[in-house]
């Protein structure tokens, strides 16, 4: 039975037709994902993005525009009782010289070429967002 909603806020930091991705292991599963994370109580979605970049990567961002909000019902692949709602923004990293992985869960980061023919993401909404990036930047 679904009795929780998990609101997730993610960012697509794009430069030179590449997008920043994080590689981490979650629940024993290797994941490639966009930077971001869960909304905390008493926090707005943009505040959440700023906090996540600060906590995970030690950088400041500027939000450029809203990119995509998940439109279909989705159950978390990690928790059967949780419905997910994911929101994505385009951002610029303004203090890239400070870039440092602070979150021990993040194994590495990589700038992924948006123009590659295949879609490298496994999470369903990330796949939609990567296709939206292709439409926007290519």
Protein backbone atom coordinates (compact mmCIF):
# COMPACT_ATOMS: atom_id res chain seq x y z
CA UNK A 1 0.00 0.00 0.00
CA UNK A 2 1.35 3.40 -0.96
CA UNK A 3 1.25 5.77 2.00
CA UNK A 4 4.10 8.21 1.29
CA UNK A 5 5.02 10.72 -1.38
CA UNK A 6 8.73 11.34 -1.96
CA UNK A 7 9.37 14.64 -3.78
CA UNK A 8 12.73 14.66 -5.54
CA UNK A 9 14.35 17.73 -7.12
CA UNK A 10 17.16 17.34 -9.66
CA UNK A 11 19.30 19.60 -11.80
CA UNK A 12 20.77 19.36 -15.26
CA UNK A 13 23.98 21.36 -15.27
CA UNK A 14 24.89 21.67 -18.95
CA UNK A 15 28.07 23.03 -20.50
CA UNK A 16 29.54 22.45 -23.97
CA UNK A 17 26.64 20.06 -24.77
CA UNK A 18 27.54 17.85 -21.81
CA UNK A 19 25.48 17.27 -18.67
CA UNK A 20 26.82 16.58 -15.18
CA UNK A 21 25.98 13.13 -13.80
CA UNK A 22 26.73 11.38 -10.51
CA UNK A 23 27.63 7.75 -10.09
CA UNK A 24 26.62 6.23 -6.78
CA UNK A 25 25.50 2.96 -5.32
CA UNK A 26 22.03 2.91 -3.80
CA UNK A 27 20.50 -0.15 -2.11
CA UNK A 28 23.31 -2.23 -3.64
CA UNK A 29 22.53 -1.02 -7.15
CA UNK A 30 24.94 1.12 -9.22
CA UNK A 31 23.19 4.28 -10.42
CA UNK A 32 23.99 7.08 -12.82
CA UNK A 33 21.78 10.04 -11.95
CA UNK A 34 21.46 13.79 -12.07
CA UNK A 35 22.56 15.81 -9.01
CA UNK A 36 19.81 16.56 -6.54
CA UNK A 37 17.75 14.76 -3.95
CA UNK A 38 14.80 14.71 -1.62
CA UNK A 39 12.79 17.72 -0.53
CA UNK A 40 12.89 18.26 3.23
CA UNK A 41 9.97 19.54 5.31
CA UNK A 42 9.75 23.35 5.35
CA UNK A 43 11.87 23.68 2.20
CA UNK A 44 11.01 25.00 -1.27
CA UNK A 45 12.09 23.08 -4.36
CA UNK A 46 14.73 25.63 -5.37
CA UNK A 47 16.09 25.77 -1.81
CA UNK A 48 16.38 21.98 -1.98
CA UNK A 49 18.48 22.18 -5.16
CA UNK A 50 20.82 24.80 -3.68
CA UNK A 51 21.23 22.70 -0.50
CA UNK A 52 21.88 19.46 -2.40
CA UNK A 53 24.61 21.04 -4.56
CA UNK A 54 26.15 22.59 -1.46
CA UNK A 55 26.07 19.33 0.57
CA UNK A 56 27.05 16.92 -2.21
CA UNK A 57 29.41 18.90 -4.46
CA UNK A 58 30.47 22.01 -2.50
CA UNK A 59 29.29 24.39 -5.25
CA UNK A 60 26.80 27.20 -5.73
CA UNK A 61 24.34 27.18 -8.60
CA UNK A 62 22.03 29.55 -10.40
CA UNK A 63 18.72 28.16 -11.57
CA UNK A 64 18.15 28.92 -15.26
CA UNK A 65 14.68 27.44 -15.83
CA UNK A 66 12.29 24.62 -15.04
CA UNK A 67 12.92 21.71 -17.42
CA UNK A 68 10.47 18.92 -16.56
CA UNK A 69 8.08 17.68 -13.90
CA UNK A 70 7.17 14.01 -13.91
CA UNK A 71 3.65 13.57 -15.25
CA UNK A 72 2.91 9.89 -14.64
CA UNK A 73 2.36 7.93 -11.46
CA UNK A 74 5.57 6.20 -10.37
CA UNK A 75 6.34 3.95 -7.42
CA UNK A 76 9.86 4.14 -5.99
CA UNK A 77 12.00 1.28 -7.18
CA UNK A 78 13.55 1.14 -3.71
CA UNK A 79 10.45 1.48 -1.47
CA UNK A 80 7.15 -0.20 -2.40
CA UNK A 81 5.08 2.16 -0.24
CA UNK A 82 6.41 5.38 -1.81
CA UNK A 83 5.08 7.33 -4.73
CA UNK A 84 7.69 9.54 -6.41
CA UNK A 85 7.28 13.02 -7.80
CA UNK A 86 10.39 14.34 -9.55
CA UNK A 87 11.10 17.89 -10.73
CA UNK A 88 14.05 18.89 -12.93
CA UNK A 89 15.67 22.29 -13.51
CA UNK A 90 18.41 23.58 -15.77
CA UNK A 91 21.19 25.17 -13.72
CA UNK A 92 24.60 26.73 -14.07
CA UNK A 93 27.33 25.95 -11.56
CA UNK A 94 28.71 29.36 -10.55
CA UNK A 95 31.61 28.26 -8.33
CA UNK A 96 33.05 25.37 -10.35
CA UNK A 97 36.53 26.02 -8.94
CA UNK A 98 35.16 24.83 -5.54
CA UNK A 99 33.87 21.53 -6.98
CA UNK A 100 34.50 18.74 -4.48
CA UNK A 101 32.58 15.52 -3.86
CA UNK A 102 31.49 15.75 -0.22
CA UNK A 103 28.91 12.95 -0.18
CA UNK A 104 30.60 9.58 0.50
CA UNK A 105 27.85 7.80 -1.51
CA UNK A 106 29.01 9.51 -4.72
CA UNK A 107 31.72 7.38 -6.32
CA UNK A 108 32.47 9.82 -9.15
CA UNK A 109 31.03 12.47 -11.42
CA UNK A 110 31.11 12.63 -15.19
CA UNK A 111 30.09 15.13 -17.86
CA UNK A 112 28.01 13.02 -20.28
CA UNK A 113 27.81 14.01 -23.94
CA UNK A 114 24.20 14.92 -24.78
CA UNK A 115 24.79 14.19 -28.47
CA UNK A 116 25.55 10.48 -27.94
CA UNK A 117 23.08 8.33 -29.91
CA UNK A 118 21.95 6.14 -27.01
CA UNK A 119 20.29 7.12 -23.75
CA UNK A 120 22.69 6.07 -20.95
CA UNK A 121 20.23 6.48 -18.05
CA UNK A 122 18.41 3.59 -16.38
CA UNK A 123 15.90 5.43 -14.15
CA UNK A 124 12.72 6.02 -16.20
CA UNK A 125 12.25 9.75 -15.54
CA UNK A 126 15.98 10.45 -16.04
CA UNK A 127 15.60 8.84 -19.49
CA UNK A 128 12.76 11.24 -20.37
CA UNK A 129 14.82 14.20 -19.13
CA UNK A 130 17.89 13.16 -21.14
CA UNK A 131 15.71 13.07 -24.29
CA UNK A 132 14.39 16.56 -23.39
CA UNK A 133 18.01 17.78 -23.12
CA UNK A 134 18.69 16.41 -26.60
CA UNK A 135 15.66 18.29 -27.98
CA UNK A 136 16.76 21.51 -26.26
CA UNK A 137 20.50 21.52 -26.96
CA UNK A 138 20.97 19.61 -30.23
